[in-house]
Each structure stands twice: as C-alpha cells, then as structure tokens.
C-alpha cells in the first residue's frame, strides 16, 4: 500500500512538470512586450471554471498599468458576478532576456515569468480565500498576444499537483 501511495504521489508530481515550453512560441508574432502592452488602461473580461468545467464566477477587471524604467505597476480593480469587488496591485520587474518577476499582497513569495514571441508563461502561488479559509493555490498562467490590443490568458489552478480549475481572460488594451 505504501508503495502505491508513493507511486501515485510521484505520478502527480511529474504531471505538473509537463507542458509546452515557452520557447516554442519564440517565432510567433506580434512579439509580446509587457512594458508596452501593460502601459495605460487595460480592460479584462474573465471567468473561473471548476475542474468539471462549470463556470463558477465571472468578472470584469480594470487595470491601470504604468512603467518606470524596468519596474511596472498593475493596479487591478475586479468586479465579480456575485457583486463583490476586490483589488490586486502587482509590482513587476523586467529582468532582461524576456524574464520577469512580480509581487502582490496575495501572492505567496515571488511570481516568475518568461516571455518568448507572442507568449508569456507566468507561475506563482496565490493565497486564495474560500469561505473562512485561505488556500495557497499554484497558478500556471499563459498569456498570448493576438494583436496590438487583444491578449488572451488561460490559467490552470492546482494544489499538490491536483487540477482545481481554470481562469480564462480576455484583455483589451486602451479601453477606459
């Protein structure tokens, strides 16, 4: 029994290591430059789906984005379908060679990102409140620049390698 449990845990751990490398998108255009895209107002529309695919919550996010040198601030104002509101303020650092780091109050530690071509892979742990509890949830966040105004975002959420759900989001740049 112990060997079975160890094998299952190892398989779950390896399942989280797979996927498409961001380098696969290096030749895709238009090239995503976070400092350019997230500079000024950005409007997002999104939804959270549980692991079965049911839409649990929808949201609109208004982002005021500014850069000073290699440091960016994304002030995100969320309006949720249940009437609640929330805010997240990201501080981003451009580290060179398409690499980024980021911090926000509800992010555990530091987010790490890498951009190649039209894509960005962004990984972080989010302290997610659910009822009276807070769960640290892993996010594997992919953004794809479609054109100079539109970017699509898909985030897989997991805990201990177990898939919890997905966030799908469409950003439109320059929208009040």
N, C-alpha and C. Protein backbone atom coordinates (compact mmCIF):
# COMPACT_ATOMS: atom_id res chain seq x y z
N UNK A 1 0.82 -1.20 0.00
CA UNK A 1 0.00 0.00 0.00
C UNK A 1 0.86 1.26 0.00
N UNK A 2 1.90 1.26 0.81
CA UNK A 2 2.78 2.42 0.89
C UNK A 2 3.44 2.70 -0.46
N UNK A 3 3.85 1.64 -1.17
CA UNK A 3 4.47 1.81 -2.50
C UNK A 3 3.47 2.40 -3.49
N UNK A 4 2.22 1.99 -3.38
CA UNK A 4 1.18 2.51 -4.28
C UNK A 4 0.98 4.00 -4.06
N UNK A 5 0.92 4.41 -2.79
CA UNK A 5 0.75 5.83 -2.47
C UNK A 5 1.94 6.63 -2.97
N UNK A 6 3.16 6.13 -2.76
CA UNK A 6 4.37 6.82 -3.23
C UNK A 6 4.37 6.95 -4.74
N UNK A 7 3.96 5.88 -5.43
CA UNK A 7 3.92 5.92 -6.90
C UNK A 7 2.89 6.93 -7.39
N UNK A 8 1.73 6.99 -6.72
CA UNK A 8 0.70 7.94 -7.09
C UNK A 8 1.18 9.38 -6.89
N UNK A 9 1.81 9.65 -5.75
CA UNK A 9 2.34 10.99 -5.49
C UNK A 9 3.42 11.37 -6.50
N UNK A 10 4.28 10.44 -6.86
CA UNK A 10 5.32 10.71 -7.86
C UNK A 10 4.70 11.02 -9.21
N UNK A 11 3.66 10.26 -9.59
CA UNK A 11 2.99 10.50 -10.87
C UNK A 11 2.33 11.87 -10.89
N UNK A 12 1.68 12.25 -9.77
CA UNK A 12 1.06 13.58 -9.70
C UNK A 12 2.11 14.67 -9.82
N UNK A 13 3.24 14.48 -9.17
CA UNK A 13 4.33 15.46 -9.25
C UNK A 13 4.86 15.60 -10.66
N UNK A 14 5.02 14.48 -11.36
CA UNK A 14 5.52 14.55 -12.74
C UNK A 14 4.49 15.15 -13.68
N UNK A 15 3.21 14.94 -13.40
CA UNK A 15 2.17 15.50 -14.26
C UNK A 15 2.25 17.02 -14.30
N UNK A 16 2.65 17.63 -13.21
CA UNK A 16 2.76 19.09 -13.16
C UNK A 16 3.97 19.63 -13.89
N UNK A 17 4.92 18.76 -14.28
CA UNK A 17 6.15 19.20 -14.92
C UNK A 17 6.06 19.25 -16.43
N UNK A 18 4.99 18.70 -17.00
CA UNK A 18 4.88 18.62 -18.45
C UNK A 18 4.42 19.93 -19.05
N UNK A 19 4.08 19.88 -20.32
CA UNK A 19 3.54 21.04 -20.98
C UNK A 19 4.46 21.57 -22.06
N UNK A 20 3.98 22.58 -22.72
CA UNK A 20 4.69 23.20 -23.83
C UNK A 20 5.69 24.21 -23.27
N UNK A 21 6.93 24.15 -23.69
CA UNK A 21 7.89 25.17 -23.23
C UNK A 21 7.61 26.51 -23.90
N UNK A 22 7.83 27.60 -23.19
CA UNK A 22 7.55 28.93 -23.73
C UNK A 22 8.40 29.21 -24.98
N UNK A 23 9.56 28.58 -25.07
CA UNK A 23 10.43 28.77 -26.25
C UNK A 23 9.74 28.36 -27.54
N UNK A 24 8.73 27.50 -27.46
CA UNK A 24 8.00 27.05 -28.64
C UNK A 24 7.37 28.23 -29.38
N UNK A 25 7.12 29.33 -28.68
CA UNK A 25 6.44 30.49 -29.27
C UNK A 25 7.40 31.59 -29.71
N UNK A 26 8.69 31.35 -29.66
CA UNK A 26 9.70 32.37 -29.94
C UNK A 26 9.53 33.02 -31.32
N UNK A 27 9.07 32.28 -32.30
CA UNK A 27 8.94 32.83 -33.66
C UNK A 27 7.56 33.43 -33.92
N UNK A 28 6.65 33.37 -32.95
CA UNK A 28 5.29 33.87 -33.15
C UNK A 28 5.25 35.40 -33.01
N UNK A 29 4.43 36.02 -33.85
CA UNK A 29 4.23 37.46 -33.79
C UNK A 29 2.75 37.74 -33.61
N UNK A 30 2.42 38.93 -33.13
CA UNK A 30 3.30 40.01 -32.72
C UNK A 30 4.04 39.64 -31.42
N UNK A 31 5.21 40.22 -31.25
CA UNK A 31 6.03 39.94 -30.08
C UNK A 31 5.42 40.65 -28.87
N UNK A 32 5.27 39.91 -27.78
CA UNK A 32 4.71 40.45 -26.55
C UNK A 32 5.80 41.16 -25.74
N UNK A 33 5.60 42.45 -25.52
CA UNK A 33 6.46 43.24 -24.65
C UNK A 33 5.55 43.76 -23.53
N UNK A 34 5.69 43.19 -22.33
CA UNK A 34 4.81 43.57 -21.22
C UNK A 34 4.86 45.05 -20.93
N UNK A 35 6.05 45.65 -21.05
CA UNK A 35 6.19 47.08 -20.77
C UNK A 35 5.38 47.91 -21.75
N UNK A 36 5.22 47.43 -22.95
CA UNK A 36 4.43 48.15 -23.94
C UNK A 36 2.94 47.83 -23.80
N UNK A 37 2.60 46.54 -23.66
CA UNK A 37 1.19 46.16 -23.61
C UNK A 37 0.51 46.69 -22.34
N UNK A 38 1.13 46.45 -21.20
CA UNK A 38 0.56 46.91 -19.94
C UNK A 38 1.12 48.29 -19.60
N UNK A 39 0.70 49.27 -20.38
CA UNK A 39 1.08 50.65 -20.16
C UNK A 39 -0.14 51.51 -20.50
N UNK A 40 -0.86 51.94 -19.47
CA UNK A 40 -2.11 52.65 -19.68
C UNK A 40 -3.27 51.76 -19.29
N UNK A 41 -4.50 52.15 -19.69
CA UNK A 41 -5.67 51.37 -19.29
C UNK A 41 -5.80 50.07 -20.08
N UNK A 42 -6.20 49.01 -19.37
CA UNK A 42 -6.49 47.71 -19.97
C UNK A 42 -7.76 47.19 -19.33
N UNK A 43 -8.66 46.64 -20.14
CA UNK A 43 -9.92 46.09 -19.64
C UNK A 43 -9.90 44.59 -19.87
N UNK A 44 -10.31 43.82 -18.84
CA UNK A 44 -10.35 42.37 -18.97
C UNK A 44 -11.72 41.82 -18.60
N UNK A 45 -12.10 40.75 -19.31
CA UNK A 45 -13.33 40.02 -19.02
C UNK A 45 -12.94 38.56 -18.84
N UNK A 46 -13.41 37.94 -17.73
CA UNK A 46 -12.99 36.58 -17.49
C UNK A 46 -13.99 35.76 -16.72
N UNK A 47 -13.58 34.49 -16.51
CA UNK A 47 -14.41 33.56 -15.76
C UNK A 47 -13.53 32.50 -15.11
N UNK A 48 -14.03 31.96 -14.00
CA UNK A 48 -13.39 30.83 -13.34
C UNK A 48 -14.27 29.62 -13.55
N UNK A 49 -13.67 28.51 -14.00
CA UNK A 49 -14.37 27.23 -14.16
C UNK A 49 -13.75 26.22 -13.21
N UNK A 50 -14.60 25.41 -12.57
CA UNK A 50 -14.07 24.36 -11.72
C UNK A 50 -13.52 23.23 -12.58
N UNK A 51 -12.96 22.20 -11.94
CA UNK A 51 -12.31 21.13 -12.70
C UNK A 51 -13.27 20.35 -13.58
N UNK A 52 -14.57 20.45 -13.32
CA UNK A 52 -15.56 19.80 -14.17
C UNK A 52 -16.00 20.66 -15.35
N UNK A 53 -15.55 21.93 -15.38
CA UNK A 53 -15.89 22.82 -16.48
C UNK A 53 -17.02 23.79 -16.20
N UNK A 54 -17.65 23.68 -15.03
CA UNK A 54 -18.74 24.58 -14.70
C UNK A 54 -18.21 25.98 -14.40
N UNK A 55 -18.86 27.00 -14.99
CA UNK A 55 -18.48 28.38 -14.70
C UNK A 55 -19.01 28.73 -13.31
N UNK A 56 -18.08 29.05 -12.41
CA UNK A 56 -18.42 29.35 -11.02
C UNK A 56 -18.58 30.84 -10.80
N UNK A 57 -17.68 31.63 -11.41
CA UNK A 57 -17.73 33.09 -11.26
C UNK A 57 -17.25 33.75 -12.54
N UNK A 58 -17.84 34.91 -12.83
CA UNK A 58 -17.39 35.75 -13.94
C UNK A 58 -16.90 37.06 -13.35
N UNK A 59 -16.08 37.79 -14.12
CA UNK A 59 -15.58 39.05 -13.59
C UNK A 59 -15.17 39.99 -14.71
N UNK A 60 -15.09 41.27 -14.34
CA UNK A 60 -14.52 42.33 -15.17
C UNK A 60 -13.39 42.91 -14.35
N UNK A 61 -12.25 43.16 -14.99
CA UNK A 61 -11.12 43.77 -14.29
C UNK A 61 -10.66 44.98 -15.09
N UNK A 62 -10.53 46.09 -14.39
CA UNK A 62 -10.00 47.33 -14.97
C UNK A 62 -8.59 47.50 -14.43
N UNK A 63 -7.64 47.65 -15.34
CA UNK A 63 -6.23 47.72 -14.95
C UNK A 63 -5.66 49.08 -15.35
N UNK A 64 -5.04 49.72 -14.38
CA UNK A 64 -4.27 50.93 -14.64
C UNK A 64 -2.81 50.49 -14.56
N UNK A 65 -2.14 50.49 -15.69
CA UNK A 65 -0.77 49.96 -15.78
C UNK A 65 0.21 51.07 -16.12
N UNK A 66 1.32 51.10 -15.39
CA UNK A 66 2.37 52.11 -15.59
C UNK A 66 3.73 51.47 -15.40
N UNK A 67 4.71 51.96 -16.14
CA UNK A 67 6.10 51.51 -16.01
C UNK A 67 7.00 52.71 -15.77
N UNK A 68 7.97 52.51 -14.92
CA UNK A 68 9.03 53.49 -14.71
C UNK A 68 10.32 52.69 -14.77
N UNK A 69 11.03 52.86 -15.89
CA UNK A 69 12.23 52.05 -16.11
C UNK A 69 11.83 50.59 -16.25
N UNK A 70 12.46 49.71 -15.48
CA UNK A 70 12.17 48.28 -15.54
C UNK A 70 11.20 47.82 -14.47
N UNK A 71 10.49 48.77 -13.83
CA UNK A 71 9.51 48.43 -12.79
C UNK A 71 8.12 48.86 -13.25
N UNK A 72 7.20 47.91 -13.22
CA UNK A 72 5.83 48.20 -13.62
C UNK A 72 4.87 48.00 -12.48
N UNK A 73 3.76 48.76 -12.50
CA UNK A 73 2.69 48.62 -11.53
C UNK A 73 1.40 48.36 -12.28
N UNK A 74 0.73 47.28 -11.93
CA UNK A 74 -0.57 46.96 -12.50
C UNK A 74 -1.57 47.01 -11.35
N UNK A 75 -2.41 48.04 -11.36
CA UNK A 75 -3.44 48.23 -10.34
C UNK A 75 -4.74 47.63 -10.90
N UNK A 76 -5.12 46.46 -10.39
CA UNK A 76 -6.26 45.71 -10.92
C UNK A 76 -7.48 45.88 -10.00
N UNK A 77 -8.59 46.35 -10.57
CA UNK A 77 -9.85 46.53 -9.85
C UNK A 77 -10.86 45.53 -10.41
N UNK A 78 -11.24 44.53 -9.59
CA UNK A 78 -12.14 43.46 -10.02
C UNK A 78 -13.57 43.73 -9.60
N UNK A 79 -14.51 43.43 -10.50
CA UNK A 79 -15.94 43.41 -10.21
C UNK A 79 -16.42 42.00 -10.53
N UNK A 80 -16.87 41.27 -9.50
CA UNK A 80 -17.26 39.88 -9.65
C UNK A 80 -18.75 39.75 -9.90
N UNK A 81 -19.15 38.66 -10.55
CA UNK A 81 -20.55 38.44 -10.91
C UNK A 81 -21.47 38.33 -9.69
N UNK A 82 -20.93 38.05 -8.52
CA UNK A 82 -21.76 37.98 -7.31
C UNK A 82 -21.89 39.35 -6.62
N UNK A 83 -21.35 40.41 -7.27
CA UNK A 83 -21.47 41.76 -6.74
C UNK A 83 -20.31 42.21 -5.88
N UNK A 84 -19.39 41.31 -5.55
CA UNK A 84 -18.24 41.69 -4.74
C UNK A 84 -17.20 42.39 -5.59
N UNK A 85 -16.32 43.11 -4.91
CA UNK A 85 -15.22 43.82 -5.56
C UNK A 85 -13.93 43.44 -4.85
N UNK A 86 -12.84 43.46 -5.59
CA UNK A 86 -11.53 43.21 -4.99
C UNK A 86 -10.47 43.97 -5.78
N UNK A 87 -9.30 44.02 -5.19
CA UNK A 87 -8.20 44.76 -5.82
C UNK A 87 -6.90 43.98 -5.62
N UNK A 88 -6.08 43.98 -6.65
CA UNK A 88 -4.73 43.41 -6.57
C UNK A 88 -3.80 44.40 -7.25
N UNK A 89 -2.70 44.72 -6.59
CA UNK A 89 -1.70 45.61 -7.18
C UNK A 89 -0.42 44.80 -7.36
N UNK A 90 -0.05 44.60 -8.60
CA UNK A 90 1.19 43.90 -8.94
C UNK A 90 2.33 44.90 -9.07
N UNK A 91 3.50 44.52 -8.60
CA UNK A 91 4.74 45.23 -8.90
C UNK A 91 5.58 44.26 -9.70
N UNK A 92 5.85 44.63 -10.95
CA UNK A 92 6.59 43.76 -11.87
C UNK A 92 8.00 44.30 -12.07
N UNK A 93 8.93 43.40 -12.29
CA UNK A 93 10.32 43.76 -12.62
C UNK A 93 10.70 43.07 -13.91
N UNK A 94 11.20 43.86 -14.86
CA UNK A 94 11.75 43.28 -16.08
C UNK A 94 13.20 42.93 -15.78
N UNK A 95 13.54 41.65 -15.87
CA UNK A 95 14.87 41.17 -15.50
C UNK A 95 15.80 41.03 -16.70
N UNK A 96 15.29 41.31 -17.89
CA UNK A 96 16.08 41.14 -19.12
C UNK A 96 15.83 39.78 -19.74
N UNK A 97 16.16 39.65 -21.01
CA UNK A 97 16.05 38.40 -21.76
C UNK A 97 14.66 37.78 -21.64
N UNK A 98 13.61 38.60 -21.65
CA UNK A 98 12.24 38.10 -21.61
C UNK A 98 11.79 37.58 -20.26
N UNK A 99 12.57 37.79 -19.23
CA UNK A 99 12.22 37.29 -17.89
C UNK A 99 11.65 38.41 -17.03
N UNK A 100 10.68 38.04 -16.20
CA UNK A 100 10.01 38.98 -15.31
C UNK A 100 9.82 38.34 -13.94
N UNK A 101 9.72 39.18 -12.92
CA UNK A 101 9.31 38.73 -11.60
C UNK A 101 8.20 39.67 -11.15
N UNK A 102 7.40 39.21 -10.19
CA UNK A 102 6.30 40.03 -9.73
C UNK A 102 5.89 39.71 -8.31
N UNK A 103 5.33 40.71 -7.66
CA UNK A 103 4.82 40.56 -6.29
C UNK A 103 3.46 41.26 -6.19
N UNK A 104 2.62 40.72 -5.33
CA UNK A 104 1.34 41.34 -4.96
C UNK A 104 1.02 40.85 -3.56
N UNK A 105 0.15 41.56 -2.86
CA UNK A 105 -0.16 41.21 -1.46
C UNK A 105 -0.67 39.79 -1.29
N UNK A 106 -1.44 39.27 -2.26
CA UNK A 106 -2.00 37.93 -2.11
C UNK A 106 -1.18 36.86 -2.86
N UNK A 107 -0.01 37.23 -3.34
CA UNK A 107 0.89 36.27 -3.97
C UNK A 107 1.92 35.83 -2.93
N UNK A 108 2.05 34.52 -2.77
CA UNK A 108 2.99 33.95 -1.81
C UNK A 108 4.37 33.90 -2.46
N UNK A 109 5.32 34.63 -1.90
CA UNK A 109 6.65 34.68 -2.50
C UNK A 109 6.65 35.55 -3.73
N UNK A 110 7.35 35.10 -4.76
CA UNK A 110 7.53 35.90 -5.97
C UNK A 110 7.08 35.12 -7.20
N UNK A 111 6.33 35.79 -8.06
CA UNK A 111 5.92 35.20 -9.34
C UNK A 111 7.10 35.26 -10.30
N UNK A 112 7.19 34.25 -11.15
CA UNK A 112 8.25 34.19 -12.16
C UNK A 112 7.62 34.07 -13.54
N UNK A 113 8.10 34.89 -14.48
CA UNK A 113 7.55 34.85 -15.82
C UNK A 113 8.63 34.85 -16.87
N UNK A 114 8.27 34.28 -18.02
CA UNK A 114 9.19 34.27 -19.16
C UNK A 114 8.39 34.47 -20.43
N UNK A 115 8.81 35.44 -21.24
CA UNK A 115 8.14 35.75 -22.49
C UNK A 115 9.02 35.35 -23.67
N UNK A 116 8.39 34.76 -24.66
CA UNK A 116 9.05 34.43 -25.93
C UNK A 116 8.01 34.62 -27.03
N UNK A 117 8.39 35.35 -28.07
CA UNK A 117 7.45 35.59 -29.16
C UNK A 117 6.20 36.28 -28.65
N UNK A 118 5.03 35.71 -28.96
CA UNK A 118 3.76 36.33 -28.54
C UNK A 118 3.24 35.78 -27.22
N UNK A 119 4.03 34.96 -26.51
CA UNK A 119 3.52 34.28 -25.31
C UNK A 119 4.32 34.63 -24.06
N UNK A 120 3.62 34.56 -22.93
CA UNK A 120 4.24 34.72 -21.61
C UNK A 120 3.73 33.60 -20.73
N UNK A 121 4.64 32.91 -20.07
CA UNK A 121 4.26 31.94 -19.04
C UNK A 121 4.61 32.55 -17.70
N UNK A 122 3.61 32.60 -16.83
CA UNK A 122 3.72 33.28 -15.54
C UNK A 122 3.32 32.27 -14.48
N UNK A 123 4.19 31.99 -13.51
CA UNK A 123 3.90 31.00 -12.47
C UNK A 123 4.02 31.63 -11.09
N UNK A 124 3.03 31.32 -10.23
CA UNK A 124 3.03 31.88 -8.89
C UNK A 124 2.07 31.10 -8.00
N UNK A 125 2.14 31.38 -6.72
CA UNK A 125 1.23 30.80 -5.73
C UNK A 125 0.35 31.94 -5.21
N UNK A 126 -0.94 31.74 -5.27
CA UNK A 126 -1.90 32.75 -4.83
C UNK A 126 -2.57 32.29 -3.54
N UNK A 127 -2.64 33.18 -2.55
CA UNK A 127 -3.37 32.92 -1.31
C UNK A 127 -4.84 33.22 -1.60
N UNK A 128 -5.61 32.17 -1.83
CA UNK A 128 -6.98 32.30 -2.32
C UNK A 128 -7.99 32.08 -1.19
N UNK A 129 -8.75 33.14 -0.83
CA UNK A 129 -9.75 32.96 0.22
C UNK A 129 -10.96 32.19 -0.31
N UNK A 130 -11.36 31.16 0.44
CA UNK A 130 -12.56 30.38 0.12
C UNK A 130 -13.33 30.22 1.42
N UNK A 131 -14.43 30.92 1.52
CA UNK A 131 -15.18 30.92 2.78
C UNK A 131 -14.34 31.54 3.88
N UNK A 132 -14.19 30.82 4.98
CA UNK A 132 -13.41 31.31 6.13
C UNK A 132 -11.95 30.89 6.07
N UNK A 133 -11.55 30.20 5.02
CA UNK A 133 -10.18 29.70 4.93
C UNK A 133 -9.44 30.34 3.76
N UNK A 134 -8.12 30.24 3.81
CA UNK A 134 -7.26 30.71 2.72
C UNK A 134 -6.41 29.54 2.28
N UNK A 135 -6.42 29.26 0.98
CA UNK A 135 -5.64 28.16 0.41
C UNK A 135 -4.56 28.72 -0.50
N UNK A 136 -3.35 28.20 -0.39
CA UNK A 136 -2.27 28.56 -1.30
C UNK A 136 -2.38 27.68 -2.54
N UNK A 137 -2.70 28.30 -3.67
CA UNK A 137 -3.00 27.60 -4.90
C UNK A 137 -1.96 27.96 -5.97
N UNK A 138 -1.46 26.94 -6.66
CA UNK A 138 -0.49 27.15 -7.74
C UNK A 138 -1.20 27.61 -9.00
N UNK A 139 -0.67 28.66 -9.63
CA UNK A 139 -1.18 29.15 -10.90
C UNK A 139 -0.12 28.96 -11.97
N UNK A 140 -0.52 28.37 -13.08
CA UNK A 140 0.31 28.27 -14.28
C UNK A 140 -0.42 29.08 -15.34
N UNK A 141 0.04 30.29 -15.53
CA UNK A 141 -0.66 31.34 -16.26
C UNK A 141 0.00 31.54 -17.62
N UNK A 142 -0.77 31.43 -18.70
CA UNK A 142 -0.25 31.66 -20.05
C UNK A 142 -1.00 32.82 -20.69
N UNK A 143 -0.25 33.78 -21.25
CA UNK A 143 -0.83 34.90 -21.97
C UNK A 143 -0.35 34.85 -23.41
N UNK A 144 -1.27 35.12 -24.36
CA UNK A 144 -0.95 35.09 -25.78
C UNK A 144 -1.42 36.39 -26.42
N UNK A 145 -0.48 37.15 -26.96
CA UNK A 145 -0.82 38.40 -27.64
C UNK A 145 -1.40 38.06 -29.01
N UNK A 146 -2.62 38.52 -29.26
CA UNK A 146 -3.31 38.25 -30.52
C UNK A 146 -3.02 39.36 -31.53
N UNK A 147 -3.13 40.60 -31.09
CA UNK A 147 -2.75 41.75 -31.90
C UNK A 147 -2.34 42.86 -30.94
N UNK A 148 -2.17 44.09 -31.41
CA UNK A 148 -1.66 45.14 -30.53
C UNK A 148 -2.63 45.53 -29.42
N UNK A 149 -3.91 45.12 -29.51
CA UNK A 149 -4.90 45.48 -28.49
C UNK A 149 -5.39 44.31 -27.65
N UNK A 150 -5.43 43.10 -28.23
CA UNK A 150 -6.07 41.96 -27.57
C UNK A 150 -5.05 40.90 -27.14
N UNK A 151 -5.21 40.45 -25.89
CA UNK A 151 -4.39 39.36 -25.38
C UNK A 151 -5.33 38.37 -24.67
N UNK A 152 -5.11 37.08 -24.90
CA UNK A 152 -5.88 36.04 -24.23
C UNK A 152 -5.03 35.42 -23.14
N UNK A 153 -5.68 35.01 -22.05
CA UNK A 153 -5.00 34.49 -20.87
C UNK A 153 -5.73 33.24 -20.39
N UNK A 154 -4.97 32.15 -20.19
CA UNK A 154 -5.50 30.92 -19.60
C UNK A 154 -4.64 30.56 -18.42
N UNK A 155 -5.28 30.30 -17.30
CA UNK A 155 -4.57 29.94 -16.08
C UNK A 155 -5.10 28.62 -15.56
N UNK A 156 -4.19 27.69 -15.32
CA UNK A 156 -4.55 26.43 -14.68
C UNK A 156 -4.24 26.56 -13.20
N UNK A 157 -5.21 26.17 -12.36
CA UNK A 157 -5.05 26.23 -10.91
C UNK A 157 -4.90 24.81 -10.38
N UNK A 158 -3.95 24.63 -9.46
CA UNK A 158 -3.76 23.31 -8.88
C UNK A 158 -3.28 23.42 -7.44
N UNK A 159 -3.42 22.33 -6.72
CA UNK A 159 -2.92 22.23 -5.34
C UNK A 159 -2.39 20.81 -5.19
N UNK A 160 -1.14 20.69 -4.76
CA UNK A 160 -0.46 19.40 -4.65
C UNK A 160 -0.51 18.62 -5.96
N UNK A 161 -0.46 19.33 -7.09
CA UNK A 161 -0.48 18.69 -8.40
C UNK A 161 -1.86 18.28 -8.88
N UNK A 162 -2.90 18.55 -8.10
CA UNK A 162 -4.26 18.19 -8.47
C UNK A 162 -4.93 19.40 -9.12
N UNK A 163 -5.45 19.21 -10.33
CA UNK A 163 -6.11 20.29 -11.08
C UNK A 163 -7.40 20.71 -10.39
N UNK A 164 -7.51 22.02 -10.08
CA UNK A 164 -8.69 22.56 -9.40
C UNK A 164 -9.65 23.28 -10.34
N UNK A 165 -9.10 23.89 -11.39
CA UNK A 165 -9.95 24.65 -12.29
C UNK A 165 -9.11 25.54 -13.18
N UNK A 166 -9.80 26.40 -13.94
CA UNK A 166 -9.12 27.29 -14.87
C UNK A 166 -9.75 28.68 -14.85
N UNK A 167 -8.92 29.66 -15.13
CA UNK A 167 -9.37 31.03 -15.34
C UNK A 167 -9.10 31.36 -16.80
N UNK A 168 -10.10 31.87 -17.49
CA UNK A 168 -9.97 32.31 -18.87
C UNK A 168 -10.26 33.80 -18.89
N UNK A 169 -9.42 34.55 -19.60
CA UNK A 169 -9.49 36.01 -19.53
C UNK A 169 -9.12 36.61 -20.87
N UNK A 170 -9.84 37.62 -21.28
CA UNK A 170 -9.52 38.38 -22.49
C UNK A 170 -9.22 39.82 -22.07
N UNK A 171 -8.03 40.30 -22.48
CA UNK A 171 -7.64 41.69 -22.20
C UNK A 171 -7.80 42.52 -23.48
N UNK A 172 -8.25 43.76 -23.30
CA UNK A 172 -8.27 44.71 -24.40
C UNK A 172 -7.55 45.97 -23.94
N UNK A 173 -6.52 46.31 -24.66
CA UNK A 173 -5.68 47.44 -24.31
C UNK A 173 -6.28 48.75 -24.79
N UNK A 174 -6.08 49.80 -23.98
CA UNK A 174 -6.54 51.14 -24.38
C UNK A 174 -8.01 51.37 -24.14
N UNK A 175 -8.65 50.48 -23.38
CA UNK A 175 -10.08 50.61 -23.10
C UNK A 175 -10.26 51.32 -21.76
N UNK A 176 -11.13 52.35 -21.71
CA UNK A 176 -11.34 53.05 -20.43
C UNK A 176 -11.98 52.16 -19.38
